[in-house]
N, C-alpha and C. Protein backbone atom coordinates (compact mmCIF):
# COMPACT_ATOMS: atom_id res chain seq x y z
N UNK A 1 0.84 -1.15 -0.04
CA UNK A 1 0.14 0.10 0.20
C UNK A 1 0.86 1.23 0.22
N UNK A 2 1.98 1.31 0.63
CA UNK A 2 2.98 2.34 0.91
C UNK A 2 3.51 2.71 -0.45
N UNK A 3 3.85 1.60 -1.27
CA UNK A 3 4.38 1.95 -2.63
C UNK A 3 3.34 2.42 -3.41
N UNK A 4 2.16 2.00 -3.47
CA UNK A 4 1.08 2.57 -4.29
C UNK A 4 0.93 4.14 -4.11
N UNK A 5 0.76 4.36 -2.70
CA UNK A 5 0.57 5.78 -2.22
C UNK A 5 1.90 6.77 -2.68
N UNK A 6 3.12 6.14 -2.54
CA UNK A 6 4.19 6.72 -3.01
C UNK A 6 4.33 6.80 -4.61
N UNK A 7 3.76 6.26 -5.33
CA UNK A 7 3.53 6.19 -6.79
C UNK A 7 2.69 7.19 -7.13
N UNK A 8 1.52 7.09 -6.48
CA UNK A 8 0.31 8.14 -6.57
C UNK A 8 1.02 9.79 -6.45
N UNK A 9 1.47 9.80 -5.34
CA UNK A 9 2.32 10.82 -5.07
C UNK A 9 3.20 11.38 -5.95
N UNK A 10 4.02 10.71 -6.51
CA UNK A 10 5.18 10.95 -7.73
C UNK A 10 4.29 11.35 -8.75
N UNK A 11 3.36 10.65 -9.11
CA UNK A 11 2.59 11.08 -10.31
C UNK A 11 1.66 12.47 -10.34
N UNK A 12 1.27 12.77 -9.02
CA UNK A 12 0.74 13.92 -8.79
C UNK A 12 1.84 15.06 -8.97
N UNK A 13 2.86 14.69 -8.42
CA UNK A 13 4.02 15.84 -8.40
C UNK A 13 4.40 16.12 -9.67
N UNK A 14 4.45 15.13 -10.49
CA UNK A 14 5.00 15.15 -11.97
C UNK A 14 3.86 15.85 -12.83
N UNK A 15 2.67 15.62 -12.57
CA UNK A 15 1.53 16.51 -13.29
C UNK A 15 1.73 18.08 -13.02
N UNK A 16 1.88 18.40 -11.74
CA UNK A 16 1.92 19.65 -11.22
C UNK A 16 3.36 20.22 -11.57
N UNK A 17 4.22 19.60 -11.89
CA UNK A 17 5.40 20.35 -12.47
C UNK A 17 5.21 20.43 -13.91
N UNK A 18 4.56 19.63 -14.60
CA UNK A 18 4.24 19.82 -16.08
C UNK A 18 3.26 21.17 -16.31
N UNK A 19 2.20 20.96 -15.40
CA UNK A 19 1.37 22.27 -15.40
C UNK A 19 1.89 23.57 -15.18
N UNK A 20 2.88 23.55 -14.17
CA UNK A 20 3.70 24.70 -13.99
C UNK A 20 4.68 25.16 -15.13
N UNK A 21 5.26 24.16 -15.69
CA UNK A 21 6.10 24.52 -16.75
C UNK A 21 5.18 25.07 -18.07
N UNK A 22 4.14 24.45 -18.30
CA UNK A 22 3.20 24.69 -19.18
C UNK A 22 2.86 26.25 -19.16
N UNK A 23 2.38 26.48 -17.85
CA UNK A 23 1.98 27.99 -17.51
C UNK A 23 2.85 28.93 -17.81
N UNK A 24 4.20 28.59 -17.47
CA UNK A 24 5.35 29.69 -17.59
C UNK A 24 5.72 29.84 -19.03
N UNK A 25 5.33 28.78 -19.91
CA UNK A 25 5.81 29.13 -21.21
C UNK A 25 5.48 30.47 -21.70
N UNK A 26 6.52 31.02 -22.31
CA UNK A 26 6.15 32.55 -23.03
C UNK A 26 5.31 32.20 -24.22
N UNK A 27 4.73 33.40 -24.61
CA UNK A 27 4.10 33.60 -25.76
C UNK A 27 4.49 34.94 -26.39
N UNK A 28 4.57 34.76 -27.76
CA UNK A 28 4.97 36.02 -28.59
C UNK A 28 3.62 36.22 -29.59
N UNK A 29 3.25 37.48 -29.31
CA UNK A 29 2.18 37.84 -30.29
C UNK A 29 2.41 38.46 -31.44
N UNK A 30 2.13 37.85 -32.50
CA UNK A 30 2.35 38.45 -34.01
C UNK A 30 1.01 38.76 -34.58
N UNK A 31 0.87 39.74 -35.47
CA UNK A 31 -0.29 40.14 -36.14
C UNK A 31 0.22 40.45 -37.76
N UNK A 32 -0.65 39.96 -38.50
CA UNK A 32 -0.39 40.16 -40.04
C UNK A 32 -1.44 40.94 -40.57
N UNK A 33 -0.92 42.29 -41.02
CA UNK A 33 -1.90 43.15 -41.65
C UNK A 33 -1.42 43.81 -42.75
N UNK A 34 -2.07 43.87 -43.97
CA UNK A 34 -1.58 44.31 -45.04
C UNK A 34 -0.30 43.91 -45.44
N UNK A 35 -0.28 42.30 -45.50
CA UNK A 35 0.78 41.69 -45.72
C UNK A 35 2.00 41.98 -45.09
N UNK A 36 2.03 42.45 -43.61
CA UNK A 36 3.26 42.89 -43.07
C UNK A 36 3.09 42.34 -41.48
N UNK A 37 4.13 41.70 -41.04
CA UNK A 37 4.15 41.28 -39.61
C UNK A 37 4.23 42.23 -38.87
N UNK A 38 3.56 42.47 -37.48
CA UNK A 38 3.53 43.45 -36.62
C UNK A 38 3.87 42.75 -35.16
N UNK A 39 4.70 42.93 -34.51
CA UNK A 39 6.01 43.56 -34.68
C UNK A 39 6.95 42.94 -35.87
N UNK A 40 7.71 43.68 -36.56
CA UNK A 40 8.65 43.12 -37.63
C UNK A 40 9.78 42.25 -36.76
N UNK A 41 10.07 42.65 -35.57
CA UNK A 41 10.89 41.89 -34.82
C UNK A 41 10.46 41.68 -33.39
N UNK A 42 10.22 40.27 -33.08
CA UNK A 42 9.69 39.99 -31.92
C UNK A 42 10.68 39.27 -31.06
N UNK A 43 10.67 39.50 -29.70
CA UNK A 43 11.88 39.02 -28.77
C UNK A 43 11.03 37.85 -27.82
N UNK A 44 12.13 37.00 -27.66
CA UNK A 44 11.91 35.84 -26.72
C UNK A 44 13.10 35.44 -25.90
N UNK A 45 12.87 34.68 -24.73
CA UNK A 45 13.98 34.40 -24.15
C UNK A 45 14.68 32.88 -24.38
N UNK A 46 15.79 32.99 -24.50
CA UNK A 46 16.54 31.90 -24.82
C UNK A 46 16.47 30.65 -24.00
N UNK A 47 16.66 29.46 -24.77
CA UNK A 47 16.73 28.15 -23.90
C UNK A 47 15.37 27.77 -23.23
N UNK A 48 14.51 28.47 -23.74
CA UNK A 48 12.92 28.00 -23.22
C UNK A 48 11.73 27.84 -24.42
N UNK A 49 11.02 26.90 -24.22
CA UNK A 49 10.02 26.76 -25.40
C UNK A 49 9.10 28.03 -25.30
N UNK A 50 8.50 28.25 -26.38
CA UNK A 50 7.50 29.51 -26.47
C UNK A 50 6.45 29.20 -27.46
N UNK A 51 5.44 29.95 -27.52
CA UNK A 51 4.32 29.66 -28.35
C UNK A 51 4.10 31.20 -29.08
N UNK A 52 4.19 31.12 -30.36
CA UNK A 52 3.86 32.24 -31.24
C UNK A 52 2.23 32.16 -31.62
N UNK A 53 1.56 33.22 -31.30
CA UNK A 53 0.36 33.33 -31.58
C UNK A 53 0.36 34.47 -32.59
N UNK A 54 -0.21 34.12 -33.85
CA UNK A 54 -0.31 34.77 -34.85
C UNK A 54 -1.90 34.85 -35.39
N UNK A 55 -2.12 36.29 -35.46
CA UNK A 55 -3.71 36.81 -35.82
C UNK A 55 -3.34 37.25 -37.33
N UNK A 56 -4.16 36.62 -38.32
CA UNK A 56 -4.01 37.31 -39.68
C UNK A 56 -5.28 38.03 -39.82
N UNK A 57 -5.08 39.60 -39.82
CA UNK A 57 -6.03 40.43 -40.05
C UNK A 57 -6.38 40.51 -41.47
N UNK A 58 -5.51 40.00 -42.45
CA UNK A 58 -5.83 40.24 -43.91
C UNK A 58 -6.95 39.23 -44.25
N UNK A 59 -7.66 39.44 -45.19
CA UNK A 59 -8.68 38.55 -45.76
C UNK A 59 -8.24 37.41 -46.57
N UNK A 60 -6.99 37.36 -46.75
CA UNK A 60 -6.32 36.27 -47.52
C UNK A 60 -5.60 35.15 -46.59
N UNK A 61 -5.54 33.86 -47.09
CA UNK A 61 -4.51 33.15 -46.14
C UNK A 61 -3.02 33.24 -46.18
N UNK A 62 -2.26 33.03 -45.16
CA UNK A 62 -0.84 33.11 -45.51
C UNK A 62 -0.19 31.90 -44.62
N UNK A 63 0.99 31.56 -45.12
CA UNK A 63 1.59 30.32 -44.44
C UNK A 63 2.82 31.12 -43.85
N UNK A 64 2.87 31.12 -42.48
CA UNK A 64 3.72 31.34 -41.57
C UNK A 64 4.91 30.17 -41.81
N UNK A 65 6.07 30.58 -42.30
CA UNK A 65 7.19 29.58 -42.40
C UNK A 65 8.49 30.03 -41.94
N UNK A 66 9.26 29.28 -41.40
CA UNK A 66 10.69 29.48 -41.12
C UNK A 66 11.51 28.42 -41.25
N UNK A 67 12.56 28.44 -42.00
CA UNK A 67 13.44 27.26 -42.26
C UNK A 67 14.27 27.09 -40.82
N UNK A 68 14.72 28.29 -40.30
CA UNK A 68 15.27 28.26 -38.87
C UNK A 68 14.58 27.73 -37.81
N UNK A 69 13.32 28.04 -37.86
CA UNK A 69 12.66 27.56 -36.64
C UNK A 69 11.95 26.30 -36.85
N UNK A 70 12.35 25.68 -38.24
CA UNK A 70 11.77 24.48 -38.60
C UNK A 70 10.27 24.33 -38.43
N UNK A 71 9.37 25.39 -38.82
CA UNK A 71 7.81 25.53 -38.71
C UNK A 71 7.35 25.76 -40.07
N UNK A 72 6.11 25.53 -40.30
CA UNK A 72 5.26 25.92 -41.43
C UNK A 72 3.83 25.56 -41.13
N UNK A 73 3.13 26.85 -41.17
CA UNK A 73 1.67 26.72 -40.58
C UNK A 73 0.92 27.59 -41.41
N UNK A 74 -0.36 27.14 -41.75
CA UNK A 74 -1.20 28.05 -42.57
C UNK A 74 -2.26 28.81 -41.87
N UNK A 75 -2.49 30.02 -42.03
CA UNK A 75 -3.53 30.62 -41.19
C UNK A 75 -4.34 31.40 -42.21
N UNK A 76 -5.69 30.91 -42.07
CA UNK A 76 -6.93 31.53 -42.92
C UNK A 76 -7.10 32.95 -42.66
N UNK A 77 -7.37 33.79 -43.67
CA UNK A 77 -7.76 35.10 -43.41
C UNK A 77 -8.78 35.32 -42.40
N UNK A 78 -8.42 36.43 -41.43
CA UNK A 78 -9.35 36.59 -40.34
C UNK A 78 -9.25 35.55 -39.34
N UNK A 79 -8.26 34.65 -39.28
CA UNK A 79 -8.04 33.60 -38.11
C UNK A 79 -6.90 33.82 -37.45
N UNK A 80 -6.68 32.97 -36.24
CA UNK A 80 -5.59 33.09 -35.45
C UNK A 80 -5.11 31.39 -35.27
N UNK A 81 -3.90 31.21 -35.14
CA UNK A 81 -3.11 30.01 -34.94
C UNK A 81 -2.18 30.37 -33.85
N UNK A 82 -1.80 29.13 -33.08
CA UNK A 82 -0.79 29.06 -32.07
C UNK A 82 0.17 27.97 -32.73
N UNK A 83 1.49 28.53 -32.71
CA UNK A 83 2.82 27.51 -32.90
C UNK A 83 3.61 27.51 -31.96
N UNK A 84 3.79 26.27 -31.54
CA UNK A 84 4.71 25.72 -30.58
C UNK A 84 6.11 25.80 -31.13
N UNK A 85 6.90 26.52 -30.41
CA UNK A 85 8.38 26.53 -30.82
C UNK A 85 9.31 25.96 -29.80
N UNK A 86 10.30 24.94 -30.09
CA UNK A 86 11.08 24.37 -29.07
C UNK A 86 11.94 25.57 -28.45
N UNK A 87 12.74 25.11 -27.63
CA UNK A 87 13.78 25.90 -26.68
C UNK A 87 14.95 26.27 -27.87
N UNK A 88 15.15 27.61 -27.87
CA UNK A 88 16.28 27.86 -29.01
C UNK A 88 17.37 28.73 -28.31
N UNK A 89 18.46 28.64 -28.89
CA UNK A 89 19.83 29.10 -28.53
C UNK A 89 19.62 30.56 -28.95
N UNK A 90 20.35 31.48 -28.18
CA UNK A 90 20.27 32.92 -28.56
C UNK A 90 20.62 32.97 -30.22
N UNK A 91 19.83 33.92 -30.77
CA UNK A 91 20.21 34.25 -32.22
C UNK A 91 19.14 35.19 -32.69
N UNK A 92 19.19 35.34 -34.11
CA UNK A 92 18.00 35.77 -34.69
C UNK A 92 17.60 34.82 -36.01
N UNK A 93 16.20 34.56 -35.72
CA UNK A 93 15.60 33.76 -36.76
C UNK A 93 14.48 34.27 -37.48
N UNK A 94 14.89 34.18 -38.75
CA UNK A 94 13.96 34.70 -39.79
C UNK A 94 12.69 33.96 -40.17
N UNK A 95 11.44 34.59 -40.19
CA UNK A 95 10.01 33.95 -40.45
C UNK A 95 9.42 34.86 -41.52
N UNK A 96 8.69 34.22 -42.51
CA UNK A 96 8.10 34.90 -43.42
C UNK A 96 6.68 34.42 -44.06
N UNK A 97 6.08 34.94 -44.74
CA UNK A 97 4.69 34.41 -45.42
C UNK A 97 5.11 33.77 -46.67
N UNK A 98 5.13 32.48 -46.68
CA UNK A 98 5.49 31.62 -48.00
C UNK A 98 4.71 32.02 -49.15
N UNK A 99 3.45 33.02 -49.12
CA UNK A 99 2.73 33.17 -50.05
C UNK A 99 3.14 34.43 -50.76
N UNK A 100 3.98 35.31 -49.96
CA UNK A 100 4.54 36.70 -50.05
C UNK A 100 5.85 36.77 -49.42
N UNK A 101 6.80 35.85 -49.95
CA UNK A 101 8.13 35.96 -48.95
C UNK A 101 8.95 37.25 -49.25
N UNK A 102 8.96 37.91 -50.65
CA UNK A 102 9.67 38.83 -50.67
C UNK A 102 9.43 40.16 -49.76
N UNK A 103 8.06 40.08 -49.55
CA UNK A 103 7.66 41.59 -48.80
C UNK A 103 7.02 41.20 -47.40
N UNK A 104 6.88 40.13 -47.02
CA UNK A 104 6.04 39.89 -45.79
C UNK A 104 7.25 38.66 -45.07
N UNK A 105 8.10 39.37 -44.00
CA UNK A 105 8.92 38.77 -43.21
C UNK A 105 9.26 39.57 -42.07
N UNK A 106 9.87 38.75 -41.12
CA UNK A 106 10.25 39.14 -39.84
C UNK A 106 11.19 38.65 -39.22
N UNK A 107 11.60 39.01 -38.05
CA UNK A 107 12.73 38.20 -37.21
C UNK A 107 12.33 37.89 -35.80
N UNK A 108 12.83 36.69 -35.43
CA UNK A 108 12.52 36.56 -33.70
C UNK A 108 14.07 36.65 -33.38
N UNK A 109 13.88 37.54 -32.30
CA UNK A 109 15.29 37.91 -31.74
C UNK A 109 15.17 37.18 -30.27
N UNK A 110 16.12 35.99 -30.34
CA UNK A 110 16.15 35.19 -29.03
C UNK A 110 17.47 35.71 -28.11
N UNK A 111 17.15 36.01 -26.78
CA UNK A 111 18.33 36.61 -26.14
C UNK A 111 18.38 35.66 -24.69
């Protein structure tokens, strides 16, 4: 019985740690309007996972893409998506709208 109680206690502690880590995950807010990212440079903490929340205020779809971040996600016009990003080393990571790459891009600055 003691082993079972210890196992249950360990499981509860593990769940609490996971919930705490998830609650502390940073979020970066980006908006896409007139085929431009706002802000064009977003900042995040190094060595910590983060969520990019992207709102597309344009009526047309966009494809958030970054080879450096290893992510590709389509967001419909007028919609919002959340993009989970692994912990990153310090650096400057380029992202863009794959449908308008020449004019619609930005950078995630990780410090």
